[in-house]
Protein backbone atom coordinates (compact mmCIF):
# COMPACT_ATOMS: atom_id res chain seq x y z
CA MET A 1 -21.12 -17.21 6.05
CA ALA A 2 -24.78 -18.12 6.59
CA CYS A 3 -24.48 -16.84 10.16
CA TYR A 4 -23.70 -13.34 8.88
CA PHE A 5 -26.49 -13.48 6.32
CA MET A 6 -29.20 -14.72 8.68
CA GLY A 7 -28.30 -12.26 11.44
CA ILE A 8 -28.44 -9.33 9.04
CA ILE A 9 -31.71 -10.49 7.45
CA TYR A 10 -33.39 -10.76 10.87
CA GLY A 11 -32.15 -7.28 11.80
CA LEU A 12 -33.41 -5.82 8.54
CA LEU A 13 -36.82 -7.43 8.88
CA PHE A 14 -37.13 -6.25 12.47
CA TYR A 15 -36.18 -2.72 11.40
CA LEU A 16 -38.84 -2.75 8.67
CA TRP A 17 -41.40 -3.88 11.24
CA GLN A 18 -40.41 -1.80 14.31
CA GLY A 19 -37.85 0.80 13.19
CA ARG A 20 -38.72 4.46 13.48
CA THR A 21 -35.50 6.34 12.68
CA TRP A 22 -32.40 5.68 10.61
CA LEU A 23 -30.47 5.31 13.87
CA ASP A 24 -32.49 2.18 14.62
CA LEU A 25 -31.14 0.36 11.55
CA PRO A 26 -27.48 -0.10 12.61
CA ILE A 27 -28.56 -0.82 16.18
CA TYR A 28 -30.94 -3.59 15.10
CA LEU A 29 -28.40 -5.02 12.63
CA MET A 30 -25.68 -5.25 15.28
CA VAL A 31 -28.02 -6.61 17.95
CA SER A 32 -29.51 -9.21 15.61
CA PHE A 33 -26.12 -10.38 14.37
CA SER A 34 -24.75 -10.57 17.92
CA GLY A 35 -27.81 -12.46 19.14
CA PHE A 36 -27.65 -14.90 16.24
CA LEU A 37 -23.96 -15.52 16.87
CA ALA A 38 -24.57 -15.97 20.61
CA GLY A 39 -27.37 -18.46 19.90
CA GLN A 40 -25.14 -20.37 17.51
CA LEU A 41 -22.30 -20.56 20.03
CA LEU A 42 -24.62 -21.50 22.89
CA ALA A 43 -26.17 -24.31 20.83
CA ARG A 44 -22.71 -25.67 20.00
CA LEU A 45 -21.61 -25.51 23.64
CA LEU A 46 -24.75 -27.26 24.85
CA GLY A 47 -24.68 -29.80 22.02
CA SER A 48 -28.22 -28.95 20.90
CA ASN A 49 -29.35 -30.30 17.53
CA LEU A 50 -32.82 -28.82 17.06
CA PHE A 51 -33.31 -28.29 13.29
CA PRO A 52 -29.66 -28.07 12.24
CA ILE A 53 -28.80 -27.08 8.68
CA GLY A 54 -25.30 -28.41 8.30
CA LEU A 55 -23.33 -26.80 11.12
CA LEU A 56 -25.83 -23.96 11.48
CA HIS A 57 -28.17 -24.26 14.48
CA ILE A 58 -30.97 -22.27 12.89
CA ALA A 59 -33.69 -22.65 15.55
CA GLU A 60 -31.56 -21.80 18.58
CA ALA A 61 -29.79 -18.91 16.86
CA SER A 62 -33.06 -17.47 15.51
CA VAL A 63 -34.71 -17.56 18.93
CA MET A 64 -31.70 -15.88 20.56
CA SER A 65 -31.58 -13.21 17.84
CA GLY A 66 -35.30 -12.53 18.26
CA LEU A 67 -34.99 -12.24 22.03
CA TRP A 68 -32.10 -9.82 21.74
CA LEU A 69 -34.04 -7.72 19.22
CA ILE A 70 -37.08 -7.56 21.50
CA ILE A 71 -34.89 -6.51 24.43
CA ALA A 72 -33.14 -3.88 22.27
CA ARG A 73 -36.50 -2.47 21.15
CA TRP A 74 -37.72 -2.34 24.75
CA LEU A 75 -34.55 -0.52 25.83
CA ARG A 76 -34.83 1.95 22.91
CA VAL A 77 -38.40 2.82 23.99
CA LYS A 78 -37.54 3.02 27.68
CA TYR A 79 -34.26 4.96 27.24
CA PRO A 80 -34.41 6.87 23.92
CA LEU A 81 -31.18 8.26 22.49
CA THR A 82 -32.83 11.30 20.91
């Protein structure tokens, strides 16, 4: 449950900081959630325990979510949809 919440919060904050159109909001939400989930799964597979909160690997998942958001922003600027 916290994985959903954190991924969405990061996407929302990134949209408030870097978003320009309403189309950016769902893109950043999906990318952030996917990146957070990928970071969580990668940390579990690698057995990393850097700042765990219960079963949530907050540091690894946050870094992965942030990287994915930066890449998504770069791709949106380089290849705009509109």
